[in-house]
Amino acid sequence: MGLAAHRHATAGIAVIAFLESSVFPIPPDILLIPMVLAAPSRAFRLVTIVTVASVLGGITGYAIGAFLFETIGRTILDFYGYFDKFAKFQDWYREWGSWIVFAGGFSPIPYKVITIASGAVQLDFWTFTIASIISRGARFLIVASSAVTFESCAALAFMKSTTASCDLGTLVLVSSALLK
């Protein structure tokens, strides 16, 4: 918790959110939760910063997929074990388009895979960007709201997660609890 209140913590989480959307394996959730718990009044500001940084990182991932797929994008997909499934992703993109990006913003599939694949299959840039803003913003808002509402129980549950990300079932349950 001490590091969550550090004067460079906000810049640090922005950098992590940016990198996580294109190349880095650790999601910003594990920093967002303690930062929100340390200063609940700053939760909305932190969600905004993390969302903007994540979407900008996603745009970088999109560019990697669109322009540098063979040199960088393929390597990243190989690293996460998703290159072999890339043909299936291409079929999904053709069929579902922006819904893949939206679902990817919430799923345990590394978001960088979604961003790189979106660029590689030439998903419309603005569709990708809008879906990213909505899905990533909603995800981080739910994580921050959960941390504030359920305090240490939510934080512990998210931090113990092996992927440190929300699955759709958790999001539905948490959203239902928040909307009551």
N, C-alpha and C. Protein backbone atom coordinates (compact mmCIF):
# COMPACT_ATOMS: atom_id res chain seq x y z
N MET A 1 0.82 -1.19 0.00
CA MET A 1 0.00 0.00 0.00
C MET A 1 0.86 1.26 0.00
N GLY A 2 2.04 1.16 0.59
CA GLY A 2 2.92 2.31 0.64
C GLY A 2 3.32 2.78 -0.75
N LEU A 3 3.61 1.83 -1.63
CA LEU A 3 3.99 2.19 -3.00
C LEU A 3 2.82 2.79 -3.76
N ALA A 4 1.59 2.39 -3.40
CA ALA A 4 0.40 2.92 -4.07
C ALA A 4 0.25 4.41 -3.84
N ALA A 5 0.79 4.91 -2.74
CA ALA A 5 0.70 6.34 -2.42
C ALA A 5 1.96 7.11 -2.85
N HIS A 6 2.92 6.41 -3.43
CA HIS A 6 4.17 7.06 -3.85
C HIS A 6 3.88 8.16 -4.86
N ARG A 7 4.67 9.19 -4.87
CA ARG A 7 4.42 10.33 -5.76
C ARG A 7 4.54 9.99 -7.24
N HIS A 8 5.23 8.90 -7.58
CA HIS A 8 5.36 8.50 -8.98
C HIS A 8 4.44 7.33 -9.34
N ALA A 9 3.57 6.94 -8.42
CA ALA A 9 2.70 5.79 -8.66
C ALA A 9 1.76 6.02 -9.84
N THR A 10 1.22 7.23 -9.97
CA THR A 10 0.29 7.51 -11.07
C THR A 10 1.00 7.40 -12.42
N ALA A 11 2.19 7.94 -12.52
CA ALA A 11 2.95 7.81 -13.77
C ALA A 11 3.30 6.34 -14.02
N GLY A 12 3.64 5.63 -12.97
CA GLY A 12 3.99 4.22 -13.11
C GLY A 12 2.83 3.38 -13.63
N ILE A 13 1.63 3.62 -13.08
CA ILE A 13 0.48 2.84 -13.54
C ILE A 13 0.10 3.20 -14.97
N ALA A 14 0.31 4.45 -15.36
CA ALA A 14 0.04 4.85 -16.74
C ALA A 14 0.98 4.13 -17.69
N VAL A 15 2.25 4.04 -17.33
CA VAL A 15 3.22 3.35 -18.18
C VAL A 15 2.87 1.87 -18.28
N ILE A 16 2.52 1.26 -17.16
CA ILE A 16 2.17 -0.16 -17.17
C ILE A 16 0.91 -0.40 -18.00
N ALA A 17 -0.10 0.46 -17.86
CA ALA A 17 -1.33 0.31 -18.64
C ALA A 17 -1.04 0.43 -20.14
N PHE A 18 -0.17 1.36 -20.50
CA PHE A 18 0.21 1.53 -21.90
C PHE A 18 0.91 0.27 -22.42
N LEU A 19 1.92 -0.19 -21.69
CA LEU A 19 2.70 -1.34 -22.14
C LEU A 19 1.90 -2.64 -22.14
N GLU A 20 1.00 -2.79 -21.17
CA GLU A 20 0.21 -4.01 -21.08
C GLU A 20 -0.67 -4.19 -22.29
N SER A 21 -1.08 -3.12 -22.91
CA SER A 21 -1.97 -3.22 -24.07
C SER A 21 -1.25 -3.57 -25.35
N SER A 22 0.09 -3.58 -25.32
CA SER A 22 0.80 -3.91 -26.54
C SER A 22 1.89 -4.97 -26.36
N VAL A 23 2.61 -4.97 -25.23
CA VAL A 23 3.70 -5.94 -25.10
C VAL A 23 3.90 -6.52 -23.70
N PHE A 24 3.54 -5.84 -22.66
CA PHE A 24 3.88 -6.20 -21.28
C PHE A 24 2.87 -7.19 -20.70
N PRO A 25 3.32 -8.21 -19.95
CA PRO A 25 2.39 -9.24 -19.47
C PRO A 25 1.60 -8.91 -18.21
N ILE A 26 1.93 -7.86 -17.48
CA ILE A 26 1.26 -7.62 -16.20
C ILE A 26 0.21 -6.52 -16.36
N PRO A 27 -1.06 -6.84 -16.04
CA PRO A 27 -2.12 -5.84 -16.19
C PRO A 27 -2.06 -4.78 -15.09
N PRO A 28 -2.58 -3.59 -15.38
CA PRO A 28 -2.54 -2.51 -14.40
C PRO A 28 -3.46 -2.72 -13.21
N ASP A 29 -4.36 -3.67 -13.28
CA ASP A 29 -5.31 -3.93 -12.20
C ASP A 29 -4.61 -4.13 -10.86
N ILE A 30 -3.47 -4.82 -10.89
CA ILE A 30 -2.80 -5.13 -9.63
C ILE A 30 -2.22 -3.89 -8.96
N LEU A 31 -2.06 -2.81 -9.70
CA LEU A 31 -1.66 -1.53 -9.11
C LEU A 31 -2.87 -0.63 -8.88
N LEU A 32 -3.86 -0.73 -9.75
CA LEU A 32 -5.04 0.12 -9.63
C LEU A 32 -5.76 -0.14 -8.32
N ILE A 33 -5.90 -1.39 -7.94
CA ILE A 33 -6.64 -1.73 -6.72
C ILE A 33 -6.01 -1.09 -5.48
N PRO A 34 -4.72 -1.31 -5.20
CA PRO A 34 -4.18 -0.67 -3.99
C PRO A 34 -4.15 0.85 -4.08
N MET A 35 -3.99 1.40 -5.30
CA MET A 35 -3.99 2.86 -5.44
C MET A 35 -5.37 3.43 -5.12
N VAL A 36 -6.42 2.75 -5.55
CA VAL A 36 -7.78 3.19 -5.26
C VAL A 36 -8.07 3.02 -3.77
N LEU A 37 -7.61 1.92 -3.19
CA LEU A 37 -7.82 1.70 -1.76
C LEU A 37 -7.07 2.74 -0.93
N ALA A 38 -5.91 3.15 -1.40
CA ALA A 38 -5.12 4.15 -0.66
C ALA A 38 -5.74 5.54 -0.76
N ALA A 39 -6.43 5.83 -1.86
CA ALA A 39 -7.04 7.16 -2.06
C ALA A 39 -8.34 7.01 -2.83
N PRO A 40 -9.41 6.55 -2.19
CA PRO A 40 -10.69 6.34 -2.88
C PRO A 40 -11.22 7.59 -3.59
N SER A 41 -10.91 8.76 -3.08
CA SER A 41 -11.39 9.99 -3.71
C SER A 41 -10.74 10.22 -5.09
N ARG A 42 -9.65 9.54 -5.37
CA ARG A 42 -8.95 9.67 -6.65
C ARG A 42 -9.30 8.55 -7.63
N ALA A 43 -10.26 7.72 -7.26
CA ALA A 43 -10.58 6.54 -8.07
C ALA A 43 -10.94 6.91 -9.51
N PHE A 44 -11.82 7.88 -9.70
CA PHE A 44 -12.25 8.23 -11.06
C PHE A 44 -11.08 8.80 -11.86
N ARG A 45 -10.26 9.60 -11.23
CA ARG A 45 -9.08 10.15 -11.91
C ARG A 45 -8.14 9.02 -12.33
N LEU A 46 -7.92 8.06 -11.45
CA LEU A 46 -7.04 6.93 -11.77
C LEU A 46 -7.62 6.08 -12.90
N VAL A 47 -8.93 5.83 -12.85
CA VAL A 47 -9.58 5.06 -13.92
C VAL A 47 -9.40 5.77 -15.26
N THR A 48 -9.55 7.08 -15.26
CA THR A 48 -9.39 7.85 -16.49
C THR A 48 -7.96 7.74 -17.02
N ILE A 49 -6.99 7.90 -16.15
CA ILE A 49 -5.58 7.82 -16.54
C ILE A 49 -5.25 6.43 -17.09
N VAL A 50 -5.69 5.40 -16.38
CA VAL A 50 -5.39 4.03 -16.81
C VAL A 50 -6.10 3.72 -18.13
N THR A 51 -7.32 4.19 -18.29
CA THR A 51 -8.06 3.95 -19.53
C THR A 51 -7.37 4.62 -20.71
N VAL A 52 -7.03 5.89 -20.56
CA VAL A 52 -6.36 6.62 -21.65
C VAL A 52 -5.04 5.94 -22.01
N ALA A 53 -4.24 5.61 -21.00
CA ALA A 53 -2.95 4.96 -21.26
C ALA A 53 -3.14 3.59 -21.92
N SER A 54 -4.12 2.84 -21.46
CA SER A 54 -4.39 1.52 -22.03
C SER A 54 -4.83 1.62 -23.49
N VAL A 55 -5.71 2.57 -23.78
CA VAL A 55 -6.17 2.74 -25.16
C VAL A 55 -5.02 3.20 -26.06
N LEU A 56 -4.19 4.11 -25.58
CA LEU A 56 -3.02 4.53 -26.37
C LEU A 56 -2.07 3.35 -26.60
N GLY A 57 -1.88 2.52 -25.58
CA GLY A 57 -1.08 1.31 -25.75
C GLY A 57 -1.74 0.35 -26.73
N GLY A 58 -3.07 0.28 -26.69
CA GLY A 58 -3.81 -0.55 -27.63
C GLY A 58 -3.64 -0.07 -29.07
N ILE A 59 -3.61 1.24 -29.24
CA ILE A 59 -3.37 1.80 -30.58
C ILE A 59 -1.96 1.43 -31.05
N THR A 60 -1.01 1.42 -30.13
CA THR A 60 0.35 0.98 -30.47
C THR A 60 0.33 -0.50 -30.88
N GLY A 61 -0.41 -1.32 -30.13
CA GLY A 61 -0.54 -2.73 -30.49
C GLY A 61 -1.19 -2.90 -31.85
N TYR A 62 -2.21 -2.09 -32.11
CA TYR A 62 -2.88 -2.11 -33.41
C TYR A 62 -1.87 -1.79 -34.52
N ALA A 63 -1.04 -0.77 -34.30
CA ALA A 63 -0.03 -0.38 -35.28
C ALA A 63 0.99 -1.51 -35.48
N ILE A 64 1.36 -2.19 -34.40
CA ILE A 64 2.27 -3.33 -34.53
C ILE A 64 1.65 -4.39 -35.43
N GLY A 65 0.36 -4.67 -35.21
CA GLY A 65 -0.33 -5.66 -36.04
C GLY A 65 -0.48 -5.21 -37.48
N ALA A 66 -0.77 -3.94 -37.67
CA ALA A 66 -1.02 -3.43 -39.03
C ALA A 66 0.26 -3.25 -39.84
N PHE A 67 1.33 -2.81 -39.20
CA PHE A 67 2.54 -2.44 -39.95
C PHE A 67 3.78 -3.28 -39.66
N LEU A 68 3.79 -3.93 -38.51
CA LEU A 68 4.99 -4.68 -38.10
C LEU A 68 4.65 -6.11 -37.69
N PHE A 69 3.60 -6.66 -38.29
CA PHE A 69 3.16 -7.98 -37.85
C PHE A 69 4.23 -9.04 -37.99
N GLU A 70 4.85 -9.12 -39.15
CA GLU A 70 5.84 -10.18 -39.39
C GLU A 70 7.08 -10.03 -38.52
N THR A 71 7.47 -8.81 -38.20
CA THR A 71 8.71 -8.62 -37.44
C THR A 71 8.49 -8.59 -35.93
N ILE A 72 7.40 -7.98 -35.46
CA ILE A 72 7.19 -7.85 -34.02
C ILE A 72 5.91 -8.56 -33.56
N GLY A 73 4.81 -8.34 -34.27
CA GLY A 73 3.52 -8.89 -33.86
C GLY A 73 3.52 -10.39 -33.75
N ARG A 74 4.10 -11.05 -34.73
CA ARG A 74 4.15 -12.52 -34.72
C ARG A 74 4.94 -13.03 -33.51
N THR A 75 6.03 -12.35 -33.18
CA THR A 75 6.86 -12.72 -32.03
C THR A 75 6.06 -12.62 -30.73
N ILE A 76 5.30 -11.55 -30.58
CA ILE A 76 4.50 -11.36 -29.37
C ILE A 76 3.42 -12.43 -29.28
N LEU A 77 2.71 -12.70 -30.39
CA LEU A 77 1.68 -13.73 -30.39
C LEU A 77 2.28 -15.10 -30.10
N ASP A 78 3.47 -15.38 -30.65
CA ASP A 78 4.17 -16.64 -30.34
C ASP A 78 4.48 -16.73 -28.85
N PHE A 79 4.95 -15.64 -28.29
CA PHE A 79 5.31 -15.60 -26.87
C PHE A 79 4.14 -15.99 -25.98
N TYR A 80 2.95 -15.51 -26.32
CA TYR A 80 1.76 -15.81 -25.52
C TYR A 80 1.04 -17.08 -25.97
N GLY A 81 1.60 -17.76 -26.96
CA GLY A 81 1.04 -19.02 -27.41
C GLY A 81 -0.23 -18.87 -28.23
N TYR A 82 -0.41 -17.72 -28.86
CA TYR A 82 -1.62 -17.46 -29.62
C TYR A 82 -1.42 -17.45 -31.13
N PHE A 83 -0.20 -17.59 -31.60
CA PHE A 83 -0.02 -17.51 -33.04
C PHE A 83 -0.73 -18.66 -33.76
N ASP A 84 -0.67 -19.86 -33.17
CA ASP A 84 -1.32 -21.01 -33.79
C ASP A 84 -2.83 -20.82 -33.89
N LYS A 85 -3.39 -20.03 -33.01
CA LYS A 85 -4.84 -19.80 -33.00
C LYS A 85 -5.22 -18.55 -33.80
N PHE A 86 -4.24 -17.94 -34.44
CA PHE A 86 -4.47 -16.69 -35.14
C PHE A 86 -5.48 -16.85 -36.28
N ALA A 87 -5.47 -17.97 -36.98
CA ALA A 87 -6.43 -18.20 -38.08
C ALA A 87 -7.85 -18.18 -37.53
N LYS A 88 -8.04 -18.76 -36.36
CA LYS A 88 -9.37 -18.74 -35.74
C LYS A 88 -9.75 -17.31 -35.37
N PHE A 89 -8.78 -16.56 -34.84
CA PHE A 89 -9.03 -15.15 -34.53
C PHE A 89 -9.49 -14.40 -35.79
N GLN A 90 -8.83 -14.67 -36.92
CA GLN A 90 -9.20 -13.98 -38.16
C GLN A 90 -10.66 -14.28 -38.52
N ASP A 91 -11.07 -15.53 -38.36
CA ASP A 91 -12.47 -15.88 -38.62
C ASP A 91 -13.40 -15.13 -37.68
N TRP A 92 -13.04 -15.08 -36.41
CA TRP A 92 -13.87 -14.37 -35.43
C TRP A 92 -13.97 -12.90 -35.78
N TYR A 93 -12.86 -12.29 -36.18
CA TYR A 93 -12.88 -10.87 -36.55
C TYR A 93 -13.80 -10.62 -37.74
N ARG A 94 -13.75 -11.49 -38.71
CA ARG A 94 -14.62 -11.32 -39.87
C ARG A 94 -16.09 -11.41 -39.46
N GLU A 95 -16.37 -12.32 -38.53
CA GLU A 95 -17.75 -12.53 -38.11
C GLU A 95 -18.22 -11.52 -37.06
N TRP A 96 -17.38 -11.19 -36.09
CA TRP A 96 -17.82 -10.41 -34.93
C TRP A 96 -17.26 -9.00 -34.87
N GLY A 97 -16.17 -8.72 -35.56
CA GLY A 97 -15.60 -7.37 -35.61
C GLY A 97 -15.33 -6.75 -34.25
N SER A 98 -15.95 -5.62 -34.00
CA SER A 98 -15.67 -4.86 -32.78
C SER A 98 -16.06 -5.60 -31.51
N TRP A 99 -16.98 -6.55 -31.61
CA TRP A 99 -17.37 -7.31 -30.41
C TRP A 99 -16.19 -8.11 -29.86
N ILE A 100 -15.30 -8.54 -30.74
CA ILE A 100 -14.09 -9.24 -30.28
C ILE A 100 -13.24 -8.30 -29.45
N VAL A 101 -13.09 -7.06 -29.91
CA VAL A 101 -12.30 -6.07 -29.17
C VAL A 101 -12.98 -5.77 -27.84
N PHE A 102 -14.29 -5.58 -27.87
CA PHE A 102 -15.03 -5.29 -26.65
C PHE A 102 -14.88 -6.43 -25.64
N ALA A 103 -15.09 -7.66 -26.08
CA ALA A 103 -14.95 -8.82 -25.19
C ALA A 103 -13.50 -8.96 -24.71
N GLY A 104 -12.56 -8.68 -25.60
CA GLY A 104 -11.15 -8.77 -25.24
C GLY A 104 -10.75 -7.80 -24.14
N GLY A 105 -11.45 -6.70 -24.04
CA GLY A 105 -11.18 -5.73 -22.98
C GLY A 105 -11.50 -6.26 -21.60
N PHE A 106 -12.34 -7.31 -21.55
CA PHE A 106 -12.75 -7.91 -20.27
C PHE A 106 -12.20 -9.31 -20.03
N SER A 107 -11.80 -9.99 -21.07
CA SER A 107 -11.49 -11.42 -20.96
C SER A 107 -10.09 -11.68 -20.43
N PRO A 108 -9.84 -12.94 -20.03
CA PRO A 108 -8.48 -13.30 -19.61
C PRO A 108 -7.49 -13.42 -20.77
N ILE A 109 -7.98 -13.34 -22.02
CA ILE A 109 -7.06 -13.32 -23.16
C ILE A 109 -6.26 -12.03 -23.05
N PRO A 110 -4.93 -12.12 -23.12
CA PRO A 110 -4.14 -10.89 -23.00
C PRO A 110 -4.59 -9.85 -24.03
N TYR A 111 -4.87 -8.64 -23.55
CA TYR A 111 -5.40 -7.60 -24.41
C TYR A 111 -4.45 -7.27 -25.56
N LYS A 112 -3.16 -7.41 -25.33
CA LYS A 112 -2.19 -7.15 -26.39
C LYS A 112 -2.43 -8.07 -27.58
N VAL A 113 -2.91 -9.28 -27.35
CA VAL A 113 -3.22 -10.20 -28.45
C VAL A 113 -4.36 -9.63 -29.28
N ILE A 114 -5.36 -9.09 -28.61
CA ILE A 114 -6.51 -8.50 -29.30
C ILE A 114 -6.07 -7.27 -30.11
N THR A 115 -5.22 -6.43 -29.51
CA THR A 115 -4.81 -5.21 -30.21
C THR A 115 -3.97 -5.52 -31.44
N ILE A 116 -3.03 -6.43 -31.29
CA ILE A 116 -2.16 -6.80 -32.42
C ILE A 116 -2.97 -7.48 -33.51
N ALA A 117 -3.84 -8.39 -33.12
CA ALA A 117 -4.68 -9.10 -34.10
C ALA A 117 -5.61 -8.13 -34.82
N SER A 118 -6.13 -7.13 -34.10
CA SER A 118 -7.02 -6.14 -34.73
C SER A 118 -6.30 -5.39 -35.85
N GLY A 119 -5.08 -5.01 -35.61
CA GLY A 119 -4.30 -4.34 -36.65
C GLY A 119 -3.96 -5.28 -37.79
N ALA A 120 -3.61 -6.51 -37.45
CA ALA A 120 -3.20 -7.48 -38.48
C ALA A 120 -4.35 -7.82 -39.42
N VAL A 121 -5.58 -7.87 -38.91
CA VAL A 121 -6.71 -8.20 -39.78
C VAL A 121 -7.38 -6.94 -40.34
N GLN A 122 -6.76 -5.77 -40.08
CA GLN A 122 -7.24 -4.50 -40.61
C GLN A 122 -8.65 -4.15 -40.15
N LEU A 123 -8.97 -4.47 -38.88
CA LEU A 123 -10.25 -4.02 -38.32
C LEU A 123 -10.27 -2.50 -38.41
N ASP A 124 -11.41 -1.91 -38.74
CA ASP A 124 -11.50 -0.46 -38.86
C ASP A 124 -10.91 0.20 -37.61
N PHE A 125 -9.99 1.15 -37.83
CA PHE A 125 -9.27 1.79 -36.74
C PHE A 125 -10.21 2.46 -35.74
N TRP A 126 -11.20 3.22 -36.22
CA TRP A 126 -12.09 3.94 -35.32
C TRP A 126 -13.01 2.98 -34.56
N THR A 127 -13.42 1.92 -35.21
CA THR A 127 -14.22 0.90 -34.53
C THR A 127 -13.39 0.28 -33.41
N PHE A 128 -12.15 -0.04 -33.72
CA PHE A 128 -11.25 -0.59 -32.73
C PHE A 128 -11.07 0.37 -31.56
N THR A 129 -10.84 1.64 -31.86
CA THR A 129 -10.58 2.64 -30.82
C THR A 129 -11.79 2.84 -29.92
N ILE A 130 -12.96 2.98 -30.51
CA ILE A 130 -14.18 3.18 -29.71
C ILE A 130 -14.47 1.96 -28.85
N ALA A 131 -14.35 0.75 -29.42
CA ALA A 131 -14.57 -0.47 -28.64
C ALA A 131 -13.56 -0.58 -27.50
N SER A 132 -12.33 -0.16 -27.75
CA SER A 132 -11.30 -0.18 -26.72
C SER A 132 -11.62 0.80 -25.59
N ILE A 133 -12.03 2.01 -25.95
CA ILE A 133 -12.35 3.01 -24.93
C ILE A 133 -13.48 2.50 -24.03
N ILE A 134 -14.53 1.97 -24.65
CA ILE A 134 -15.68 1.49 -23.88
C ILE A 134 -15.30 0.30 -23.01
N SER A 135 -14.66 -0.71 -23.61
CA SER A 135 -14.38 -1.93 -22.85
C SER A 135 -13.32 -1.73 -21.77
N ARG A 136 -12.25 -1.04 -22.12
CA ARG A 136 -11.20 -0.83 -21.12
C ARG A 136 -11.68 0.11 -20.02
N GLY A 137 -12.38 1.18 -20.41
CA GLY A 137 -12.92 2.10 -19.41
C GLY A 137 -13.88 1.40 -18.46
N ALA A 138 -14.77 0.59 -19.02
CA ALA A 138 -15.72 -0.14 -18.18
C ALA A 138 -15.00 -1.12 -17.26
N ARG A 139 -14.03 -1.83 -17.81
CA ARG A 139 -13.28 -2.79 -16.99
C ARG A 139 -12.61 -2.10 -15.80
N PHE A 140 -11.87 -1.02 -16.07
CA PHE A 140 -11.14 -0.36 -14.98
C PHE A 140 -12.09 0.32 -14.01
N LEU A 141 -13.22 0.80 -14.50
CA LEU A 141 -14.22 1.39 -13.60
C LEU A 141 -14.81 0.32 -12.68
N ILE A 142 -15.07 -0.86 -13.23
CA ILE A 142 -15.59 -1.96 -12.41
C ILE A 142 -14.56 -2.40 -11.38
N VAL A 143 -13.31 -2.51 -11.79
CA VAL A 143 -12.25 -2.90 -10.86
C VAL A 143 -12.13 -1.88 -9.74
N ALA A 144 -12.09 -0.59 -10.08
CA ALA A 144 -11.96 0.45 -9.06
C ALA A 144 -13.19 0.51 -8.17
N SER A 145 -14.37 0.42 -8.76
CA SER A 145 -15.61 0.45 -7.99
C SER A 145 -15.69 -0.75 -7.04
N SER A 146 -15.25 -1.89 -7.52
CA SER A 146 -15.24 -3.09 -6.68
C SER A 146 -14.30 -2.92 -5.51
N ALA A 147 -13.14 -2.35 -5.79
CA ALA A 147 -12.16 -2.14 -4.72
C ALA A 147 -12.73 -1.21 -3.65
N VAL A 148 -13.39 -0.14 -4.08
CA VAL A 148 -13.96 0.81 -3.12
C VAL A 148 -15.14 0.17 -2.38
N THR A 149 -16.02 -0.50 -3.13
CA THR A 149 -17.23 -1.07 -2.53
C THR A 149 -16.94 -2.25 -1.62
N PHE A 150 -16.09 -3.14 -2.09
CA PHE A 150 -15.84 -4.36 -1.32
C PHE A 150 -14.51 -4.34 -0.59
N GLU A 151 -13.82 -3.24 -0.68
CA GLU A 151 -12.53 -2.98 -0.03
C GLU A 151 -11.58 -4.15 -0.17
N SER A 152 -11.02 -4.62 0.91
CA SER A 152 -9.93 -5.60 0.84
C SER A 152 -10.36 -6.94 0.28
N CYS A 153 -11.62 -7.33 0.40
CA CYS A 153 -12.06 -8.61 -0.16
C CYS A 153 -11.92 -8.63 -1.68
N ALA A 154 -12.37 -7.56 -2.32
CA ALA A 154 -12.25 -7.48 -3.78
C ALA A 154 -10.78 -7.39 -4.18
N ALA A 155 -10.03 -6.61 -3.46
CA ALA A 155 -8.62 -6.44 -3.79
C ALA A 155 -7.89 -7.77 -3.69
N LEU A 156 -8.15 -8.49 -2.63
CA LEU A 156 -7.50 -9.79 -2.45
C LEU A 156 -7.89 -10.76 -3.55
N ALA A 157 -9.16 -10.77 -3.90
CA ALA A 157 -9.62 -11.68 -4.95
C ALA A 157 -8.95 -11.37 -6.28
N PHE A 158 -8.86 -10.09 -6.64
CA PHE A 158 -8.22 -9.73 -7.91
C PHE A 158 -6.72 -10.00 -7.87
N MET A 159 -6.07 -9.72 -6.74
CA MET A 159 -4.63 -9.92 -6.68
C MET A 159 -4.25 -11.39 -6.67
N LYS A 160 -5.11 -12.26 -6.15
CA LYS A 160 -4.81 -13.68 -6.11
C LYS A 160 -5.06 -14.36 -7.45
N SER A 161 -5.81 -13.70 -8.33
CA SER A 161 -6.10 -14.27 -9.64
C SER A 161 -4.80 -14.52 -10.38
N THR A 162 -4.69 -15.70 -10.99
CA THR A 162 -3.45 -16.02 -11.70
C THR A 162 -3.25 -15.14 -12.92
N THR A 163 -4.33 -14.68 -13.54
CA THR A 163 -4.18 -13.81 -14.69
C THR A 163 -4.30 -12.35 -14.29
N ALA A 164 -4.70 -12.12 -13.06
CA ALA A 164 -4.91 -10.75 -12.55
C ALA A 164 -5.85 -9.96 -13.45
N SER A 165 -6.81 -10.65 -14.03
CA SER A 165 -7.79 -9.96 -14.87
C SER A 165 -9.19 -10.46 -14.54
N CYS A 166 -10.17 -9.71 -14.99
CA CYS A 166 -11.57 -10.04 -14.71
C CYS A 166 -12.06 -11.03 -15.75
N ASP A 167 -12.81 -12.01 -15.31
CA ASP A 167 -13.50 -12.81 -16.31
C ASP A 167 -14.94 -12.31 -16.36
N LEU A 168 -15.63 -12.69 -17.41
CA LEU A 168 -16.96 -12.14 -17.64
C LEU A 168 -17.91 -12.47 -16.51
N GLY A 169 -17.81 -13.66 -15.93
CA GLY A 169 -18.68 -14.04 -14.82
C GLY A 169 -18.50 -13.14 -13.61
N THR A 170 -17.26 -12.83 -13.29
CA THR A 170 -16.98 -11.92 -12.18
C THR A 170 -17.55 -10.54 -12.46
N LEU A 171 -17.38 -10.08 -13.69
CA LEU A 171 -17.90 -8.76 -14.05
C LEU A 171 -19.42 -8.70 -13.91
N VAL A 172 -20.09 -9.76 -14.32
CA VAL A 172 -21.55 -9.78 -14.22
C VAL A 172 -21.96 -9.73 -12.75
N LEU A 173 -21.32 -10.55 -11.92
CA LEU A 173 -21.66 -10.58 -10.49
C LEU A 173 -21.38 -9.25 -9.82
N VAL A 174 -20.21 -8.70 -10.07
CA VAL A 174 -19.83 -7.43 -9.45
C VAL A 174 -20.74 -6.31 -9.95
N SER A 175 -21.01 -6.29 -11.26
CA SER A 175 -21.89 -5.25 -11.80
C SER A 175 -23.27 -5.34 -11.21
N SER A 176 -23.77 -6.55 -11.06
CA SER A 176 -25.10 -6.73 -10.46
C SER A 176 -25.13 -6.20 -9.04
N ALA A 177 -24.07 -6.49 -8.29
CA ALA A 177 -24.00 -6.01 -6.91
C ALA A 177 -23.93 -4.49 -6.86
N LEU A 178 -23.20 -3.89 -7.78
CA LEU A 178 -23.04 -2.44 -7.79
C LEU A 178 -24.31 -1.72 -8.23
N LEU A 179 -25.09 -2.36 -9.07
CA LEU A 179 -26.29 -1.72 -9.60
C LEU A 179 -27.49 -1.83 -8.68
N LYS A 180 -27.39 -2.64 -7.64
CA LYS A 180 -28.51 -2.78 -6.70
C LYS A 180 -28.64 -1.60 -5.79
